Each structure stands twice: as structure tokens, then as C-alpha cells.
C-alpha atoms as a PDB file:
ATOM      1  CA  MET A   1     -71.781  51.472-124.952  1.00  0.00           C
ATOM      2  CA  LEU A   2     -74.202  52.800-123.270  1.00  0.00           C
ATOM      3  CA  ARG A   3     -72.512  55.111-121.452  1.00  0.00           C
ATOM      4  CA  SER A   4     -70.290  56.345-124.020  1.00  0.00           C
ATOM      5  CA  GLY A   5     -72.288  56.859-126.211  1.00  0.00           C
ATOM      6  CA  PRO A   6     -75.379  59.364-124.988  1.00  0.00           C
ATOM      7  CA  SER A   7     -72.369  61.534-123.372  1.00  0.00           C
ATOM      8  CA  VAL A   8     -71.624  62.580-127.168  1.00  0.00           C
ATOM      9  CA  GLY A   9     -74.819  64.187-127.192  1.00  0.00           C
ATOM     10  CA  ALA A  10     -75.141  65.390-123.937  1.00  0.00           C
ATOM     11  CA  ASN A  11     -71.681  66.854-124.104  1.00  0.00           C
ATOM     12  CA  TYR A  12     -71.733  68.332-127.444  1.00  0.00           C
ATOM     13  CA  ARG A  13     -74.860  70.107-126.112  1.00  0.00           C
ATOM     14  CA  ALA A  14     -73.469  72.516-122.978  1.00  0.00           C
ATOM     15  CA  ALA A  15     -69.862  73.099-126.004  1.00  0.00           C
ATOM     16  CA  CYS A  16     -73.688  75.086-127.169  1.00  0.00           C
ATOM     17  CA  ARG A  17     -73.987  76.558-124.557  1.00  0.00           C
ATOM     18  CA  ALA A  18     -69.360  77.069-123.912  1.00  0.00           C
ATOM     19  CA  LYS A  19     -68.894  80.955-121.922  1.00  0.00           C
ATOM     20  CA  SER A  20     -65.686  81.198-124.805  1.00  0.00           C
ATOM     21  CA  LYS A  21     -63.608  79.218-127.749  1.00  0.00           C
ATOM     22  CA  PRO A  22     -61.432  78.069-125.026  1.00  0.00           C
ATOM     23  CA  ASP A  23     -64.651  76.269-123.172  1.00  0.00           C
ATOM     24  CA  PHE A  24     -66.447  75.771-126.660  1.00  0.00           C
ATOM     25  CA  VAL A  25     -62.464  74.158-127.430  1.00  0.00           C
ATOM     26  CA  SER A  26     -62.267  71.455-124.411  1.00  0.00           C
ATOM     27  CA  LYS A  27     -66.167  70.578-124.476  1.00  0.00           C
ATOM     28  CA  MET A  28     -65.461  69.592-128.265  1.00  0.00           C
ATOM     29  CA  GLY A  29     -62.109  67.995-127.154  1.00  0.00           C
ATOM     30  CA  ILE A  30     -64.505  65.748-124.973  1.00  0.00           C
ATOM     31  CA  VAL A  31     -67.150  65.275-127.309  1.00  0.00           C
ATOM     32  CA  ASP A  32     -64.408  63.740-129.605  1.00  0.00           C
ATOM     33  CA  GLU A  33     -62.942  61.255-126.832  1.00  0.00           C
ATOM     34  CA  GLU A  34     -66.383  60.079-126.074  1.00  0.00           C
ATOM     35  CA  ALA A  35     -67.226  59.418-129.678  1.00  0.00           C
ATOM     36  CA  ASP A  36     -64.305  58.084-130.346  1.00  0.00           C
ATOM     37  CA  GLU A  37     -64.344  55.387-127.250  1.00  0.00           C
ATOM     38  CA  THR A  38     -68.349  54.111-128.939  1.00  0.00           C
ATOM     39  CA  MET A  39     -66.412  53.979-131.567  1.00  0.00           C
ATOM     40  CA  TYR A  40     -64.685  51.955-129.611  1.00  0.00           C
ATOM     41  CA  TRP A  41     -66.828  49.461-128.091  1.00  0.00           C
ATOM     42  CA  ILE A  42     -68.651  48.680-131.579  1.00  0.00           C
ATOM     43  CA  GLU A  43     -65.230  47.727-133.628  1.00  0.00           C
ATOM     44  CA  LEU A  44     -64.994  45.187-130.454  1.00  0.00           C
ATOM     45  CA  SER A  45     -68.222  44.288-130.885  1.00  0.00           C
ATOM     46  CA  ILE A  46     -67.719  42.952-133.713  1.00  0.00           C
ATOM     47  CA  ASP A  47     -64.182  41.901-132.572  1.00  0.00           C
ATOM     48  CA  ALA A  48     -65.630  39.609-129.933  1.00  0.00           C
ATOM     49  CA  GLY A  49     -68.667  38.475-132.400  1.00  0.00           C
ATOM     50  CA  ILE A  50     -71.326  40.024-129.723  1.00  0.00           C
ATOM     51  CA  VAL A  51     -72.790  41.502-132.645  1.00  0.00           C
ATOM     52  CA  LYS A  52     -72.803  41.116-136.585  1.00  0.00           C
ATOM     53  CA  LYS A  53     -70.864  43.895-138.954  1.00  0.00           C
ATOM     54  CA  SER A  54     -73.795  44.588-141.182  1.00  0.00           C
ATOM     55  CA  ARG A  55     -76.348  44.464-138.400  1.00  0.00           C
ATOM     56  CA  VAL A  56     -74.021  48.330-137.156  1.00  0.00           C
ATOM     57  CA  ASP A  57     -72.313  49.083-139.816  1.00  0.00           C
ATOM     58  CA  SER A  58     -74.469  52.152-140.520  1.00  0.00           C
ATOM     59  CA  LEU A  59     -73.837  53.231-136.507  1.00  0.00           C
ATOM     60  CA  LEU A  60     -70.003  52.541-137.215  1.00  0.00           C
ATOM     61  CA  GLN A  61     -70.387  55.069-140.168  1.00  0.00           C
ATOM     62  CA  GLU A  62     -72.762  57.794-138.285  1.00  0.00           C
ATOM     63  CA  ALA A  63     -70.068  57.405-135.661  1.00  0.00           C
ATOM     64  CA  ASN A  64     -67.198  58.181-137.845  1.00  0.00           C
ATOM     65  CA  GLU A  65     -68.699  61.060-139.277  1.00  0.00           C
ATOM     66  CA  ILE A  66     -70.265  63.100-135.685  1.00  0.00           C
ATOM     67  CA  LEU A  67     -66.092  62.903-135.366  1.00  0.00           C
ATOM     68  CA  SER A  68     -64.880  63.749-138.141  1.00  0.00           C
ATOM     69  CA  MET A  69     -67.332  66.773-137.611  1.00  0.00           C
ATOM     70  CA  THR A  70     -65.813  67.393-133.915  1.00  0.00           C
ATOM     71  CA  VAL A  71     -62.085  66.534-135.244  1.00  0.00           C
ATOM     72  CA  SER A  72     -63.002  69.662-138.069  1.00  0.00           C
ATOM     73  CA  SER A  73     -65.076  72.096-135.504  1.00  0.00           C
ATOM     74  CA  ILE A  74     -62.233  71.999-132.999  1.00  0.00           C
ATOM     75  CA  LYS A  75     -59.432  73.275-135.930  1.00  0.00           C
ATOM     76  CA  THR A  76     -61.638  76.206-136.797  1.00  0.00           C
ATOM     77  CA  ALA A  77     -62.429  76.685-133.396  1.00  0.00           C
ATOM     78  CA  LYS A  78     -58.135  76.809-132.520  1.00  0.00           C
ATOM     79  CA  ARG A  79     -57.390  78.963-135.493  1.00  0.00           C
ATOM     80  CA  SER A  80     -60.709  81.902-135.420  1.00  0.00           C
ATOM     81  CA  SER A  81     -59.040  82.232-131.881  1.00  0.00           C
ATOM     82  CA  ALA A  82     -55.959  82.091-132.627  1.00  0.00           C
ATOM     83  CA  ALA A  83     -56.184  84.911-135.202  1.00  0.00           C
END
């Protein structure tokens, strides 16, 4: 989590500086993967009993929201590229 979590923000920042739409889509794909990986580690920590779900519920929800926004941005960028 210590690597994938901050990587979401770093890769989003890189996506904002993309040189083209395909570059933006590619970089946002990395954001998508890192957000999903962060969710995986949070869920794994819960399942392993390392942390109580109630303590990380808001983090999991926020990660899911970021993931949803990322997927939506990728779809929008792909649609506008095709047009």
C-alpha cells in the first residue's frame, strides 16, 4: 500500500501533463492499475485480520471512487479521440 497508494497521485499528475490523448489514456491506465492494487492491499489487510474493516472503510470507499473517476476519464478520452 505504501507504494501503490502514493503512485496513484504521482501517475495522475503525470497524466495531467500528457503530451497527447493516447499518452493521457496510457498514463490514466497506470492510475487505474495502481488504484485497483491499493484496493487489493486494503482488502487483503482486512481479510488477514491485520486491520479492522471499520478503520479503513473510508479509505476503501475513496479508493473505489478514484477508480470509478479514472475509468470514466479513460472512457471519455477514448470516445473523444475516436470522434
